[in-house]
Amino acid sequence: MLQRFRQWAREIKRDVLAIWIAARDPRVPWYAKLLAAVVAGYALSPIDLIPDFIPVLGYLDDVIIVPAGIILTVRLIPPELMAEFRAEAVRRVGRPSSGVAAAVVALWILAIVATTRWIVLR
């Protein structure tokens, strides 16, 4: 059972990167791109909807919300494109991804600043 869980975790990690690639591909429908960007951004983000230090609920997004978003996004992307994105994700796994992490953190900071400014101006 532990081996099966590890395999599932590797597939989730690969699919997160694959949908991140899909979000930037012009062949993917706009609605799938939008969902792919949101799901991959959230999955790669260091900020959680429910903080992990909250017992049980803290891991809810990691165990249920993120995989459900990935599954929905994968279903919206044409299968032949998804196979191509998964192959590209496997090739990229060995490369450093600090640029992606920096972009995700920058997007979260921008969202926080924009929300704060909106609240202050209201």
PDB file of N, CA and C in Angstrom:
ATOM      1  N   MET A   1       0.816  -1.185   0.000  1.00  0.00           N
ATOM      2  CA  MET A   1       0.000   0.000   0.000  1.00  0.00           C
ATOM      3  C   MET A   1       0.871   1.264   0.000  1.00  0.00           C
ATOM      4  N   LEU A   2       1.967   1.226   0.722  1.00  0.00           N
ATOM      5  CA  LEU A   2       2.866   2.369   0.763  1.00  0.00           C
ATOM      6  C   LEU A   2       3.448   2.652  -0.619  1.00  0.00           C
ATOM      7  N   GLN A   3       3.800   1.603  -1.340  1.00  0.00           N
ATOM      8  CA  GLN A   3       4.331   1.762  -2.696  1.00  0.00           C
ATOM      9  C   GLN A   3       3.289   2.404  -3.617  1.00  0.00           C
ATOM     10  N   ARG A   4       2.048   2.002  -3.477  1.00  0.00           N
ATOM     11  CA  ARG A   4       0.963   2.565  -4.284  1.00  0.00           C
ATOM     12  C   ARG A   4       0.765   4.052  -3.977  1.00  0.00           C
ATOM     13  N   PHE A   5       0.857   4.419  -2.701  1.00  0.00           N
ATOM     14  CA  PHE A   5       0.734   5.816  -2.300  1.00  0.00           C
ATOM     15  C   PHE A   5       1.887   6.646  -2.866  1.00  0.00           C
ATOM     16  N   ARG A   6       3.082   6.118  -2.836  1.00  0.00           N
ATOM     17  CA  ARG A   6       4.237   6.832  -3.401  1.00  0.00           C
ATOM     18  C   ARG A   6       4.084   7.043  -4.904  1.00  0.00           C
ATOM     19  N   GLN A   7       3.584   6.037  -5.601  1.00  0.00           N
ATOM     20  CA  GLN A   7       3.345   6.158  -7.041  1.00  0.00           C
ATOM     21  C   GLN A   7       2.300   7.225  -7.328  1.00  0.00           C
ATOM     22  N   TRP A   8       1.232   7.243  -6.544  1.00  0.00           N
ATOM     23  CA  TRP A   8       0.185   8.245  -6.691  1.00  0.00           C
ATOM     24  C   TRP A   8       0.749   9.653  -6.456  1.00  0.00           C
ATOM     25  N   ALA A   9       1.596   9.810  -5.448  1.00  0.00           N
ATOM     26  CA  ALA A   9       2.200  11.110  -5.152  1.00  0.00           C
ATOM     27  C   ALA A   9       3.093  11.570  -6.302  1.00  0.00           C
ATOM     28  N   ARG A  10       3.841  10.650  -6.900  1.00  0.00           N
ATOM     29  CA  ARG A  10       4.688  11.004  -8.057  1.00  0.00           C
ATOM     30  C   ARG A  10       3.834  11.447  -9.242  1.00  0.00           C
ATOM     31  N   GLU A  11       2.719  10.766  -9.460  1.00  0.00           N
ATOM     32  CA  GLU A  11       1.817  11.132 -10.562  1.00  0.00           C
ATOM     33  C   GLU A  11       1.189  12.504 -10.334  1.00  0.00           C
ATOM     34  N   ILE A  12       0.831  12.802  -9.098  1.00  0.00           N
ATOM     35  CA  ILE A  12       0.274  14.122  -8.775  1.00  0.00           C
ATOM     36  C   ILE A  12       1.322  15.198  -9.045  1.00  0.00           C
ATOM     37  N   LYS A  13       2.542  14.973  -8.614  1.00  0.00           N
ATOM     38  CA  LYS A  13       3.623  15.942  -8.823  1.00  0.00           C
ATOM     39  C   LYS A  13       3.849  16.167 -10.326  1.00  0.00           C
ATOM     40  N   ARG A  14       3.863  15.093 -11.094  1.00  0.00           N
ATOM     41  CA  ARG A  14       4.036  15.197 -12.542  1.00  0.00           C
ATOM     42  C   ARG A  14       2.872  15.947 -13.185  1.00  0.00           C
ATOM     43  N   ASP A  15       1.643  15.641 -12.744  1.00  0.00           N
ATOM     44  CA  ASP A  15       0.475  16.285 -13.334  1.00  0.00           C
ATOM     45  C   ASP A  15       0.395  17.769 -12.990  1.00  0.00           C
ATOM     46  N   VAL A  16       0.866  18.162 -11.804  1.00  0.00           N
ATOM     47  CA  VAL A  16       0.898  19.590 -11.460  1.00  0.00           C
ATOM     48  C   VAL A  16       1.790  20.329 -12.449  1.00  0.00           C
ATOM     49  N   LEU A  17       2.960  19.785 -12.706  1.00  0.00           N
ATOM     50  CA  LEU A  17       3.868  20.412 -13.669  1.00  0.00           C
ATOM     51  C   LEU A  17       3.275  20.361 -15.077  1.00  0.00           C
ATOM     52  N   ALA A  18       2.626  19.261 -15.429  1.00  0.00           N
ATOM     53  CA  ALA A  18       2.018  19.136 -16.761  1.00  0.00           C
ATOM     54  C   ALA A  18       0.902  20.156 -16.962  1.00  0.00           C
ATOM     55  N   ILE A  19       0.083  20.400 -15.950  1.00  0.00           N
ATOM     56  CA  ILE A  19      -0.980  21.387 -16.135  1.00  0.00           C
ATOM     57  C   ILE A  19      -0.427  22.808 -16.103  1.00  0.00           C
ATOM     58  N   TRP A  20       0.704  23.005 -15.424  1.00  0.00           N
ATOM     59  CA  TRP A  20       1.374  24.310 -15.485  1.00  0.00           C
ATOM     60  C   TRP A  20       1.854  24.573 -16.919  1.00  0.00           C
ATOM     61  N   ILE A  21       2.382  23.560 -17.546  1.00  0.00           N
ATOM     62  CA  ILE A  21       2.807  23.672 -18.948  1.00  0.00           C
ATOM     63  C   ILE A  21       1.576  23.911 -19.835  1.00  0.00           C
ATOM     64  N   ALA A  22       0.486  23.194 -19.556  1.00  0.00           N
ATOM     65  CA  ALA A  22      -0.748  23.333 -20.338  1.00  0.00           C
ATOM     66  C   ALA A  22      -1.323  24.743 -20.242  1.00  0.00           C
ATOM     67  N   ALA A  23      -1.180  25.362 -19.089  1.00  0.00           N
ATOM     68  CA  ALA A  23      -1.731  26.711 -18.894  1.00  0.00           C
ATOM     69  C   ALA A  23      -1.080  27.731 -19.821  1.00  0.00           C
ATOM     70  N   ARG A  24       0.110  27.416 -20.316  1.00  0.00           N
ATOM     71  CA  ARG A  24       0.823  28.351 -21.187  1.00  0.00           C
ATOM     72  C   ARG A  24       0.813  27.924 -22.645  1.00  0.00           C
ATOM     73  N   ASP A  25       0.119  26.857 -22.965  1.00  0.00           N
ATOM     74  CA  ASP A  25       0.101  26.350 -24.336  1.00  0.00           C
ATOM     75  C   ASP A  25      -1.106  26.895 -25.101  1.00  0.00           C
ATOM     76  N   PRO A  26      -0.904  27.452 -26.287  1.00  0.00           N
ATOM     77  CA  PRO A  26      -2.019  28.043 -27.038  1.00  0.00           C
ATOM     78  C   PRO A  26      -3.032  27.030 -27.581  1.00  0.00           C
ATOM     79  N   ARG A  27      -2.692  25.755 -27.596  1.00  0.00           N
ATOM     80  CA  ARG A  27      -3.618  24.743 -28.118  1.00  0.00           C
ATOM     81  C   ARG A  27      -4.682  24.323 -27.103  1.00  0.00           C
ATOM     82  N   VAL A  28      -4.503  24.711 -25.866  1.00  0.00           N
ATOM     83  CA  VAL A  28      -5.428  24.336 -24.799  1.00  0.00           C
ATOM     84  C   VAL A  28      -6.575  25.347 -24.764  1.00  0.00           C
ATOM     85  N   PRO A  29      -7.829  24.889 -24.631  1.00  0.00           N
ATOM     86  CA  PRO A  29      -8.968  25.817 -24.550  1.00  0.00           C
ATOM     87  C   PRO A  29      -8.797  26.802 -23.384  1.00  0.00           C
ATOM     88  N   TRP A  30      -9.344  28.005 -23.551  1.00  0.00           N
ATOM     89  CA  TRP A  30      -9.144  29.065 -22.556  1.00  0.00           C
ATOM     90  C   TRP A  30      -9.640  28.679 -21.171  1.00  0.00           C
ATOM     91  N   TYR A  31     -10.767  27.977 -21.076  1.00  0.00           N
ATOM     92  CA  TYR A  31     -11.311  27.608 -19.769  1.00  0.00           C
ATOM     93  C   TYR A  31     -10.419  26.583 -19.067  1.00  0.00           C
ATOM     94  N   ALA A  32      -9.818  25.692 -19.829  1.00  0.00           N
ATOM     95  CA  ALA A  32      -8.887  24.721 -19.244  1.00  0.00           C
ATOM     96  C   ALA A  32      -7.595  25.419 -18.830  1.00  0.00           C
ATOM     97  N   LYS A  33      -7.157  26.407 -19.623  1.00  0.00           N
ATOM     98  CA  LYS A  33      -5.957  27.171 -19.278  1.00  0.00           C
ATOM     99  C   LYS A  33      -6.161  27.931 -17.973  1.00  0.00           C
ATOM    100  N   LEU A  34      -7.326  28.538 -17.837  1.00  0.00           N
ATOM    101  CA  LEU A  34      -7.619  29.302 -16.628  1.00  0.00           C
ATOM    102  C   LEU A  34      -7.599  28.396 -15.394  1.00  0.00           C
ATOM    103  N   LEU A  35      -8.307  27.279 -15.473  1.00  0.00           N
ATOM    104  CA  LEU A  35      -8.335  26.340 -14.354  1.00  0.00           C
ATOM    105  C   LEU A  35      -6.942  25.754 -14.106  1.00  0.00           C
ATOM    106  N   ALA A  36      -6.213  25.443 -15.170  1.00  0.00           N
ATOM    107  CA  ALA A  36      -4.858  24.892 -15.022  1.00  0.00           C
ATOM    108  C   ALA A  36      -3.953  25.881 -14.299  1.00  0.00           C
ATOM    109  N   ALA A  37      -4.034  27.150 -14.637  1.00  0.00           N
ATOM    110  CA  ALA A  37      -3.195  28.163 -13.990  1.00  0.00           C
ATOM    111  C   ALA A  37      -3.544  28.296 -12.507  1.00  0.00           C
ATOM    112  N   VAL A  38      -4.838  28.285 -12.197  1.00  0.00           N
ATOM    113  CA  VAL A  38      -5.264  28.409 -10.803  1.00  0.00           C
ATOM    114  C   VAL A  38      -4.833  27.187  -9.993  1.00  0.00           C
ATOM    115  N   VAL A  39      -5.091  26.003 -10.508  1.00  0.00           N
ATOM    116  CA  VAL A  39      -4.770  24.770  -9.776  1.00  0.00           C
ATOM    117  C   VAL A  39      -3.259  24.609  -9.612  1.00  0.00           C
ATOM    118  N   ALA A  40      -2.505  24.797 -10.681  1.00  0.00           N
ATOM    119  CA  ALA A  40      -1.048  24.650 -10.586  1.00  0.00           C
ATOM    120  C   ALA A  40      -0.458  25.731  -9.685  1.00  0.00           C
ATOM    121  N   GLY A  41      -0.954  26.948  -9.807  1.00  0.00           N
ATOM    122  CA  GLY A  41      -0.466  28.019  -8.946  1.00  0.00           C
ATOM    123  C   GLY A  41      -0.723  27.729  -7.483  1.00  0.00           C
ATOM    124  N   TYR A  42      -1.908  27.229  -7.175  1.00  0.00           N
ATOM    125  CA  TYR A  42      -2.233  26.891  -5.791  1.00  0.00           C
ATOM    126  C   TYR A  42      -1.404  25.705  -5.301  1.00  0.00           C
ATOM    127  N   ALA A  43      -1.261  24.693  -6.141  1.00  0.00           N
ATOM    128  CA  ALA A  43      -0.498  23.506  -5.742  1.00  0.00           C
ATOM    129  C   ALA A  43       0.975  23.839  -5.514  1.00  0.00           C
ATOM    130  N   LEU A  44       1.528  24.743  -6.301  1.00  0.00           N
ATOM    131  CA  LEU A  44       2.941  25.110  -6.177  1.00  0.00           C
ATOM    132  C   LEU A  44       3.179  26.224  -5.168  1.00  0.00           C
ATOM    133  N   SER A  45       2.119  26.840  -4.698  1.00  0.00           N
ATOM    134  CA  SER A  45       2.228  27.980  -3.790  1.00  0.00           C
ATOM    135  C   SER A  45       2.608  27.540  -2.381  1.00  0.00           C
ATOM    136  N   PRO A  46       3.432  28.338  -1.724  1.00  0.00           N
ATOM    137  CA  PRO A  46       3.756  28.026  -0.324  1.00  0.00           C
ATOM    138  C   PRO A  46       2.628  28.422   0.630  1.00  0.00           C
ATOM    139  N   ILE A  47       1.621  29.134   0.131  1.00  0.00           N
ATOM    140  CA  ILE A  47       0.500  29.590   0.955  1.00  0.00           C
ATOM    141  C   ILE A  47      -0.690  28.667   0.723  1.00  0.00           C
ATOM    142  N   ASP A  48      -1.276  28.150   1.812  1.00  0.00           N
ATOM    143  CA  ASP A  48      -2.413  27.245   1.732  1.00  0.00           C
ATOM    144  C   ASP A  48      -3.695  27.975   2.112  1.00  0.00           C
ATOM    145  N   LEU A  49      -4.802  27.523   1.563  1.00  0.00           N
ATOM    146  CA  LEU A  49      -6.113  28.040   1.921  1.00  0.00           C
ATOM    147  C   LEU A  49      -6.384  27.765   3.399  1.00  0.00           C
ATOM    148  N   ILE A  50      -6.068  26.569   3.825  1.00  0.00           N
ATOM    149  CA  ILE A  50      -6.195  26.177   5.233  1.00  0.00           C
ATOM    150  C   ILE A  50      -4.786  25.869   5.724  1.00  0.00           C
ATOM    151  N   PRO A  51      -4.239  26.655   6.666  1.00  0.00           N
ATOM    152  CA  PRO A  51      -2.858  26.423   7.131  1.00  0.00           C
ATOM    153  C   PRO A  51      -2.671  25.006   7.682  1.00  0.00           C
ATOM    154  N   ASP A  52      -1.491  24.437   7.423  1.00  0.00           N
ATOM    155  CA  ASP A  52      -1.218  23.050   7.812  1.00  0.00           C
ATOM    156  C   ASP A  52      -1.161  22.840   9.323  1.00  0.00           C
ATOM    157  N   PHE A  53      -0.958  23.898  10.110  1.00  0.00           N
ATOM    158  CA  PHE A  53      -0.863  23.711  11.553  1.00  0.00           C
ATOM    159  C   PHE A  53      -2.234  23.469  12.208  1.00  0.00           C
ATOM    160  N   ILE A  54      -3.326  23.661  11.467  1.00  0.00           N
ATOM    161  CA  ILE A  54      -4.655  23.366  11.994  1.00  0.00           C
ATOM    162  C   ILE A  54      -4.868  21.852  11.888  1.00  0.00           C
ATOM    163  N   PRO A  55      -5.112  21.184  13.023  1.00  0.00           N
ATOM    164  CA  PRO A  55      -5.232  19.722  13.010  1.00  0.00           C
ATOM    165  C   PRO A  55      -6.301  19.237  12.023  1.00  0.00           C
ATOM    166  N   VAL A  56      -6.003  18.214  11.311  1.00  0.00           N
ATOM    167  CA  VAL A  56      -6.847  17.524  10.338  1.00  0.00           C
ATOM    168  C   VAL A  56      -7.228  18.431   9.160  1.00  0.00           C
ATOM    169  N   LEU A  57      -7.874  19.549   9.421  1.00  0.00           N
ATOM    170  CA  LEU A  57      -8.301  20.447   8.343  1.00  0.00           C
ATOM    171  C   LEU A  57      -7.122  21.044   7.582  1.00  0.00           C
ATOM    172  N   GLY A  58      -5.979  21.169   8.243  1.00  0.00           N
ATOM    173  CA  GLY A  58      -4.802  21.761   7.612  1.00  0.00           C
ATOM    174  C   GLY A  58      -4.312  20.988   6.405  1.00  0.00           C
ATOM    175  N   TYR A  59      -4.519  19.684   6.429  1.00  0.00           N
ATOM    176  CA  TYR A  59      -4.073  18.852   5.309  1.00  0.00           C
ATOM    177  C   TYR A  59      -5.198  18.549   4.325  1.00  0.00           C
ATOM    178  N   LEU A  60      -6.388  19.072   4.589  1.00  0.00           N
ATOM    179  CA  LEU A  60      -7.541  18.829   3.728  1.00  0.00           C
ATOM    180  C   LEU A  60      -7.284  19.289   2.302  1.00  0.00           C
ATOM    181  N   ASP A  61      -6.710  20.492   2.136  1.00  0.00           N
ATOM    182  CA  ASP A  61      -6.464  20.984   0.781  1.00  0.00           C
ATOM    183  C   ASP A  61      -5.408  20.159   0.072  1.00  0.00           C
ATOM    184  N   ASP A  62      -4.412  19.675   0.817  1.00  0.00           N
ATOM    185  CA  ASP A  62      -3.357  18.880   0.195  1.00  0.00           C
ATOM    186  C   ASP A  62      -3.846  17.507  -0.233  1.00  0.00           C
ATOM    187  N   VAL A  63      -4.797  16.963   0.490  1.00  0.00           N
ATOM    188  CA  VAL A  63      -5.254  15.603   0.231  1.00  0.00           C
ATOM    189  C   VAL A  63      -6.499  15.544  -0.648  1.00  0.00           C
ATOM    190  N   ILE A  64      -7.355  16.566  -0.586  1.00  0.00           N
ATOM    191  CA  ILE A  64      -8.616  16.521  -1.328  1.00  0.00           C
ATOM    192  C   ILE A  64      -8.716  17.611  -2.393  1.00  0.00           C
ATOM    193  N   ILE A  65      -8.517  18.864  -1.998  1.00  0.00           N
ATOM    194  CA  ILE A  65      -8.752  19.986  -2.909  1.00  0.00           C
ATOM    195  C   ILE A  65      -7.788  19.979  -4.096  1.00  0.00           C
ATOM    196  N   VAL A  66      -6.496  19.858  -3.834  1.00  0.00           N
ATOM    197  CA  VAL A  66      -5.515  19.886  -4.929  1.00  0.00           C
ATOM    198  C   VAL A  66      -5.701  18.707  -5.886  1.00  0.00           C
ATOM    199  N   PRO A  67      -5.785  17.464  -5.399  1.00  0.00           N
ATOM    200  CA  PRO A  67      -6.015  16.357  -6.346  1.00  0.00           C
ATOM    201  C   PRO A  67      -7.325  16.489  -7.130  1.00  0.00           C
ATOM    202  N   ALA A  68      -8.384  16.975  -6.499  1.00  0.00           N
ATOM    203  CA  ALA A  68      -9.659  17.146  -7.213  1.00  0.00           C
ATOM    204  C   ALA A  68      -9.514  18.195  -8.319  1.00  0.00           C
ATOM    205  N   GLY A  69      -8.801  19.278  -8.037  1.00  0.00           N
ATOM    206  CA  GLY A  69      -8.556  20.301  -9.051  1.00  0.00           C
ATOM    207  C   GLY A  69      -7.722  19.771 -10.200  1.00  0.00           C
ATOM    208  N   ILE A  70      -6.736  18.949  -9.876  1.00  0.00           N
ATOM    209  CA  ILE A  70      -5.885  18.355 -10.912  1.00  0.00           C
ATOM    210  C   ILE A  70      -6.708  17.421 -11.795  1.00  0.00           C
ATOM    211  N   ILE A  71      -7.524  16.592 -11.182  1.00  0.00           N
ATOM    212  CA  ILE A  71      -8.347  15.645 -11.947  1.00  0.00           C
ATOM    213  C   ILE A  71      -9.300  16.393 -12.881  1.00  0.00           C
ATOM    214  N   LEU A  72      -9.951  17.433 -12.375  1.00  0.00           N
ATOM    215  CA  LEU A  72     -10.869  18.213 -13.197  1.00  0.00           C
ATOM    216  C   LEU A  72     -10.134  18.883 -14.357  1.00  0.00           C
ATOM    217  N   THR A  73      -8.982  19.450 -14.068  1.00  0.00           N
ATOM    218  CA  THR A  73      -8.203  20.117 -15.112  1.00  0.00           C
ATOM    219  C   THR A  73      -7.749  19.133 -16.184  1.00  0.00           C
ATOM    220  N   VAL A  74      -7.275  17.972 -15.775  1.00  0.00           N
ATOM    221  CA  VAL A  74      -6.821  16.955 -16.728  1.00  0.00           C
ATOM    222  C   VAL A  74      -7.972  16.522 -17.632  1.00  0.00           C
ATOM    223  N   ARG A  75      -9.168  16.440 -17.099  1.00  0.00           N
ATOM    224  CA  ARG A  75     -10.333  16.048 -17.911  1.00  0.00           C
ATOM    225  C   ARG A  75     -10.711  17.110 -18.938  1.00  0.00           C
ATOM    226  N   LEU A  76     -10.387  18.371 -18.673  1.00  0.00           N
ATOM    227  CA  LEU A  76     -10.722  19.449 -19.602  1.00  0.00           C
ATOM    228  C   LEU A  76      -9.698  19.608 -20.736  1.00  0.00           C
ATOM    229  N   ILE A  77      -8.523  19.033 -20.553  1.00  0.00           N
ATOM    230  CA  ILE A  77      -7.471  19.134 -21.563  1.00  0.00           C
ATOM    231  C   ILE A  77      -7.567  17.917 -22.484  1.00  0.00           C
ATOM    232  N   PRO A  78      -7.520  18.126 -23.812  1.00  0.00           N
ATOM    233  CA  PRO A  78      -7.585  16.986 -24.736  1.00  0.00           C
ATOM    234  C   PRO A  78      -6.507  15.933 -24.396  1.00  0.00           C
ATOM    235  N   PRO A  79      -6.879  14.650 -24.433  1.00  0.00           N
ATOM    236  CA  PRO A  79      -5.971  13.576 -24.003  1.00  0.00           C
ATOM    237  C   PRO A  79      -4.619  13.560 -24.728  1.00  0.00           C
ATOM    238  N   GLU A  80      -4.624  13.819 -26.049  1.00  0.00           N
ATOM    239  CA  GLU A  80      -3.344  13.788 -26.769  1.00  0.00           C
ATOM    240  C   GLU A  80      -2.427  14.922 -26.331  1.00  0.00           C
ATOM    241  N   LEU A  81      -2.999  16.072 -25.991  1.00  0.00           N
ATOM    242  CA  LEU A  81      -2.186  17.184 -25.481  1.00  0.00           C
ATOM    243  C   LEU A  81      -1.692  16.873 -24.069  1.00  0.00           C
ATOM    244  N   MET A  82      -2.553  16.288 -23.252  1.00  0.00           N
ATOM    245  CA  MET A  82      -2.160  15.965 -21.884  1.00  0.00           C
ATOM    246  C   MET A  82      -1.016  14.961 -21.875  1.00  0.00           C
ATOM    247  N   ALA A  83      -1.033  14.000 -22.779  1.00  0.00           N
ATOM    248  CA  ALA A  83       0.067  13.033 -22.874  1.00  0.00           C
ATOM    249  C   ALA A  83       1.373  13.749 -23.220  1.00  0.00           C
ATOM    250  N   GLU A  84       1.287  14.713 -24.119  1.00  0.00           N
ATOM    251  CA  GLU A  84       2.470  15.499 -24.489  1.00  0.00           C
ATOM    252  C   GLU A  84       2.975  16.323 -23.304  1.00  0.00           C
ATOM    253  N   PHE A  85       2.064  16.945 -22.547  1.00  0.00           N
ATOM    254  CA  PHE A  85       2.456  17.760 -21.398  1.00  0.00           C
ATOM    255  C   PHE A  85       3.053  16.902 -20.285  1.00  0.00           C
ATOM    256  N   ARG A  86       2.512  15.697 -20.101  1.00  0.00           N
ATOM    257  CA  ARG A  86       3.070  14.793 -19.088  1.00  0.00           C
ATOM    258  C   ARG A  86       4.483  14.361 -19.469  1.00  0.00           C
ATOM    259  N   ALA A  87       4.708  14.094 -20.747  1.00  0.00           N
ATOM    260  CA  ALA A  87       6.055  13.720 -21.200  1.00  0.00           C
ATOM    261  C   ALA A  87       7.035  14.875 -20.981  1.00  0.00           C
ATOM    262  N   GLU A  88       6.593  16.087 -21.267  1.00  0.00           N
ATOM    263  CA  GLU A  88       7.445  17.265 -21.039  1.00  0.00           C
ATOM    264  C   GLU A  88       7.702  17.460 -19.547  1.00  0.00           C
ATOM    265  N   ALA A  89       6.707  17.197 -18.717  1.00  0.00           N
ATOM    266  CA  ALA A  89       6.876  17.319 -17.270  1.00  0.00           C
ATOM    267  C   ALA A  89       7.912  16.334 -16.754  1.00  0.00           C
ATOM    268  N   VAL A  90       7.890  15.117 -17.277  1.00  0.00           N
ATOM    269  CA  VAL A  90       8.877  14.107 -16.873  1.00  0.00           C
ATOM    270  C   VAL A  90      10.281  14.575 -17.248  1.00  0.00           C
ATOM    271  N   ARG A  91      10.411  15.192 -18.432  1.00  0.00           N
ATOM    272  CA  ARG A  91      11.728  15.706 -18.852  1.00  0.00           C
ATOM    273  C   ARG A  91      12.193  16.850 -17.958  1.00  0.00           C
ATOM    274  N   ARG A  92      11.273  17.667 -17.486  1.00  0.00           N
ATOM    275  CA  ARG A  92      11.639  18.838 -16.676  1.00  0.00           C
ATOM    276  C   ARG A  92      11.876  18.548 -15.207  1.00  0.00           C
ATOM    277  N   VAL A  93      11.457  17.400 -14.718  1.00  0.00           N
ATOM    278  CA  VAL A  93      11.547  17.107 -13.289  1.00  0.00           C
ATOM    279  C   VAL A  93      12.975  17.227 -12.764  1.00  0.00           C
ATOM    280  N   GLY A  94      13.941  16.841 -13.513  1.00  0.00           N
ATOM    281  CA  GLY A  94      15.320  16.889 -13.048  1.00  0.00           C
ATOM    282  C   GLY A  94      15.932  18.274 -13.054  1.00  0.00           C
ATOM    283  N   ARG A  95      15.293  19.227 -13.716  1.00  0.00           N
ATOM    284  CA  ARG A  95      15.843  20.579 -13.814  1.00  0.00           C
ATOM    285  C   ARG A  95      15.387  21.443 -12.635  1.00  0.00           C
ATOM    286  N   PRO A  96      16.195  22.421 -12.253  1.00  0.00           N
ATOM    287  CA  PRO A  96      15.785  23.318 -11.165  1.00  0.00           C
ATOM    288  C   PRO A  96      14.524  24.093 -11.547  1.00  0.00           C
ATOM    289  N   SER A  97      13.674  24.355 -10.583  1.00  0.00           N
ATOM    290  CA  SER A  97      12.420  25.037 -10.866  1.00  0.00           C
ATOM    291  C   SER A  97      12.252  26.306 -10.041  1.00  0.00           C
ATOM    292  N   SER A  98      13.342  26.939  -9.672  1.00  0.00           N
ATOM    293  CA  SER A  98      13.253  28.122  -8.830  1.00  0.00           C
ATOM    294  C   SER A  98      12.521  29.264  -9.535  1.00  0.00           C
ATOM    295  N   GLY A  99      12.578  29.324 -10.847  1.00  0.00           N
ATOM    296  CA  GLY A  99      11.864  30.365 -11.582  1.00  0.00           C
ATOM    297  C   GLY A  99      10.363  30.220 -11.428  1.00  0.00           C
ATOM    298  N   VAL A 100       9.875  29.002 -11.470  1.00  0.00           N
ATOM    299  CA  VAL A 100       8.444  28.745 -11.291  1.00  0.00           C
ATOM    300  C   VAL A 100       8.030  29.121  -9.874  1.00  0.00           C
ATOM    301  N   ALA A 101       8.809  28.714  -8.902  1.00  0.00           N
ATOM    302  CA  ALA A 101       8.490  29.039  -7.509  1.00  0.00           C
ATOM    303  C   ALA A 101       8.492  30.550  -7.291  1.00  0.00           C
ATOM    304  N   ALA A 102       9.449  31.243  -7.879  1.00  0.00           N
ATOM    305  CA  ALA A 102       9.513  32.697  -7.743  1.00  0.00           C
ATOM    306  C   ALA A 102       8.281  33.352  -8.376  1.00  0.00           C
ATOM    307  N   ALA A 103       7.843  32.845  -9.509  1.00  0.00           N
ATOM    308  CA  ALA A 103       6.658  33.402 -10.168  1.00  0.00           C
ATOM    309  C   ALA A 103       5.408  33.192  -9.320  1.00  0.00           C
ATOM    310  N   VAL A 104       5.280  32.030  -8.710  1.00  0.00           N
ATOM    311  CA  VAL A 104       4.119  31.740  -7.863  1.00  0.00           C
ATOM    312  C   VAL A 104       4.114  32.660  -6.644  1.00  0.00           C
ATOM    313  N   VAL A 105       5.261  32.819  -6.013  1.00  0.00           N
ATOM    314  CA  VAL A 105       5.350  33.705  -4.848  1.00  0.00           C
ATOM    315  C   VAL A 105       5.046  35.142  -5.261  1.00  0.00           C
ATOM    316  N   ALA A 106       5.556  35.574  -6.398  1.00  0.00           N
ATOM    317  CA  ALA A 106       5.290  36.932  -6.883  1.00  0.00           C
ATOM    318  C   ALA A 106       3.798  37.142  -7.137  1.00  0.00           C
ATOM    319  N   LEU A 107       3.114  36.147  -7.696  1.00  0.00           N
ATOM    320  CA  LEU A 107       1.671  36.264  -7.922  1.00  0.00           C
ATOM    321  C   LEU A 107       0.899  36.382  -6.612  1.00  0.00           C
ATOM    322  N   TRP A 108       1.289  35.615  -5.600  1.00  0.00           N
ATOM    323  CA  TRP A 108       0.628  35.699  -4.299  1.00  0.00           C
ATOM    324  C   TRP A 108       0.855  37.073  -3.677  1.00  0.00           C
ATOM    325  N   ILE A 109       2.068  37.592  -3.761  1.00  0.00           N
ATOM    326  CA  ILE A 109       2.363  38.914  -3.206  1.00  0.00           C
ATOM    327  C   ILE A 109       1.548  39.976  -3.922  1.00  0.00           C
ATOM    328  N   LEU A 110       1.488  39.891  -5.233  1.00  0.00           N
ATOM    329  CA  LEU A 110       0.691  40.838  -6.016  1.00  0.00           C
ATOM    330  C   LEU A 110      -0.785  40.777  -5.622  1.00  0.00           C
ATOM    331  N   ALA A 111      -1.322  39.585  -5.432  1.00  0.00           N
ATOM    332  CA  ALA A 111      -2.720  39.429  -5.027  1.00  0.00           C
ATOM    333  C   ALA A 111      -2.963  40.021  -3.639  1.00  0.00           C
ATOM    334  N   ILE A 112      -2.043  39.818  -2.724  1.00  0.00           N
ATOM    335  CA  ILE A 112      -2.184  40.358  -1.371  1.00  0.00           C
ATOM    336  C   ILE A 112      -2.131  41.881  -1.395  1.00  0.00           C
ATOM    337  N   VAL A 113      -1.190  42.434  -2.148  1.00  0.00           N
ATOM    338  CA  VAL A 113      -1.067  43.888  -2.252  1.00  0.00           C
ATOM    339  C   VAL A 113      -2.321  44.483  -2.892  1.00  0.00           C
ATOM    340  N   ALA A 114      -2.798  43.895  -3.962  1.00  0.00           N
ATOM    341  CA  ALA A 114      -3.998  44.406  -4.640  1.00  0.00           C
ATOM    342  C   ALA A 114      -5.214  44.337  -3.727  1.00  0.00           C
ATOM    343  N   THR A 115      -5.379  43.247  -3.007  1.00  0.00           N
ATOM    344  CA  THR A 115      -6.508  43.102  -2.088  1.00  0.00           C
ATOM    345  C   THR A 115      -6.417  44.111  -0.954  1.00  0.00           C
ATOM    346  N   THR A 116      -5.238  44.278  -0.400  1.00  0.00           N
ATOM    347  CA  THR A 116      -5.038  45.246   0.674  1.00  0.00           C
ATOM    348  C   THR A 116      -5.351  46.663   0.200  1.00  0.00           C
ATOM    349  N   ARG A 117      -4.876  47.012  -0.966  1.00  0.00           N
ATOM    350  CA  ARG A 117      -5.128  48.332  -1.516  1.00  0.00           C
ATOM    351  C   ARG A 117      -6.623  48.546  -1.760  1.00  0.00           C
ATOM    352  N   TRP A 118      -7.286  47.538  -2.282  1.00  0.00           N
ATOM    353  CA  TRP A 118      -8.724  47.624  -2.533  1.00  0.00           C
ATOM    354  C   TRP A 118      -9.481  47.842  -1.224  1.00  0.00           C
ATOM    355  N   ILE A 119      -9.094  47.124  -0.177  1.00  0.00           N
ATOM    356  CA  ILE A 119      -9.753  47.251   1.129  1.00  0.00           C
ATOM    357  C   ILE A 119      -9.512  48.642   1.714  1.00  0.00           C
ATOM    358  N   VAL A 120      -8.300  49.133   1.626  1.00  0.00           N
ATOM    359  CA  VAL A 120      -7.958  50.448   2.176  1.00  0.00           C
ATOM    360  C   VAL A 120      -8.710  51.557   1.440  1.00  0.00           C
ATOM    361  N   LEU A 121      -8.833  51.457   0.127  1.00  0.00           N
ATOM    362  CA  LEU A 121      -9.529  52.477  -0.650  1.00  0.00           C
ATOM    363  C   LEU A 121     -11.040  52.454  -0.446  1.00  0.00           C
ATOM    364  N   ARG A 122     -11.583  51.375   0.008  1.00  0.00           N
ATOM    365  CA  ARG A 122     -13.025  51.260   0.260  1.00  0.00           C
ATOM    366  C   ARG A 122     -13.270  51.774   1.637  1.00  0.00           C
TER     367      ARG A 122
END
